[in-house]
């Protein structure tokens, strides 16, 4: 993981995710624009929560 990826991951997702990525060999990828998946999730958070078994309060 590059320093830029590490900093961006920590900024957006937190330090624990950086540690998880390093321990798991996962390299986060960030795009300069929202992907279709990101836009679809942003349109309907309730559906995304439902799809992943998370309940909104």
Protein backbone atom coordinates (compact mmCIF):
# COMPACT_ATOMS: atom_id res chain seq x y z
CA UNK A 1 0.00 0.00 0.00
CA UNK A 2 1.41 3.39 -0.92
CA UNK A 3 1.62 6.24 1.58
CA UNK A 4 -1.08 8.07 -0.37
CA UNK A 5 -3.43 5.05 -0.17
CA UNK A 6 -2.67 4.63 3.54
CA UNK A 7 -3.44 8.29 4.28
CA UNK A 8 -6.64 8.27 2.22
CA UNK A 9 -7.84 5.03 3.83
CA UNK A 10 -7.23 6.40 7.31
CA UNK A 11 -8.97 9.67 6.41
CA UNK A 12 -12.07 8.00 4.98
CA UNK A 13 -12.32 4.72 6.90
CA UNK A 14 -10.18 5.04 10.03
CA UNK A 15 -6.95 3.65 11.36
CA UNK A 16 -8.39 0.22 12.22
CA UNK A 17 -9.23 -0.32 8.53
CA UNK A 18 -5.64 0.56 7.61
CA UNK A 19 -4.40 -2.10 10.04
CA UNK A 20 -6.92 -4.63 8.69
CA UNK A 21 -5.82 -3.93 5.10
CA UNK A 22 -2.14 -4.29 5.99
CA UNK A 23 -2.72 -7.51 7.95
CA UNK A 24 -4.90 -8.98 5.17
CA UNK A 25 -2.85 -7.84 2.20
CA UNK A 26 -5.77 -5.78 0.90
CA UNK A 27 -4.95 -2.69 -1.16
CA UNK A 28 -7.73 -0.08 -1.15
CA UNK A 29 -8.39 1.64 -4.46
CA UNK A 30 -9.87 5.12 -4.66
CA UNK A 31 -11.27 6.67 -7.82
CA UNK A 32 -11.33 10.40 -8.62
CA UNK A 33 -15.09 10.16 -9.16
CA UNK A 34 -17.92 8.11 -7.61
CA UNK A 35 -18.41 4.65 -9.09
CA UNK A 36 -21.83 3.33 -10.13
CA UNK A 37 -21.91 1.17 -6.99
CA UNK A 38 -21.19 4.17 -4.76
CA UNK A 39 -23.90 6.22 -6.44
CA UNK A 40 -26.44 3.39 -6.18
CA UNK A 41 -25.71 2.97 -2.48
CA UNK A 42 -25.96 6.71 -1.87
CA UNK A 43 -29.36 6.82 -3.56
CA UNK A 44 -30.90 4.26 -1.21
CA UNK A 45 -29.11 3.72 2.10
CA UNK A 46 -32.09 1.84 3.55
CA UNK A 47 -31.84 -0.80 0.79
CA UNK A 48 -28.08 -1.12 1.28
CA UNK A 49 -28.59 -1.63 5.02
CA UNK A 50 -31.22 -4.26 4.28
CA UNK A 51 -28.95 -6.06 1.78
CA UNK A 52 -26.21 -6.35 4.42
CA UNK A 53 -28.36 -7.16 7.44
CA UNK A 54 -27.89 -3.80 9.14
CA UNK A 55 -30.79 -2.07 10.82
CA UNK A 56 -31.25 1.68 10.84
CA UNK A 57 -32.38 3.34 14.05
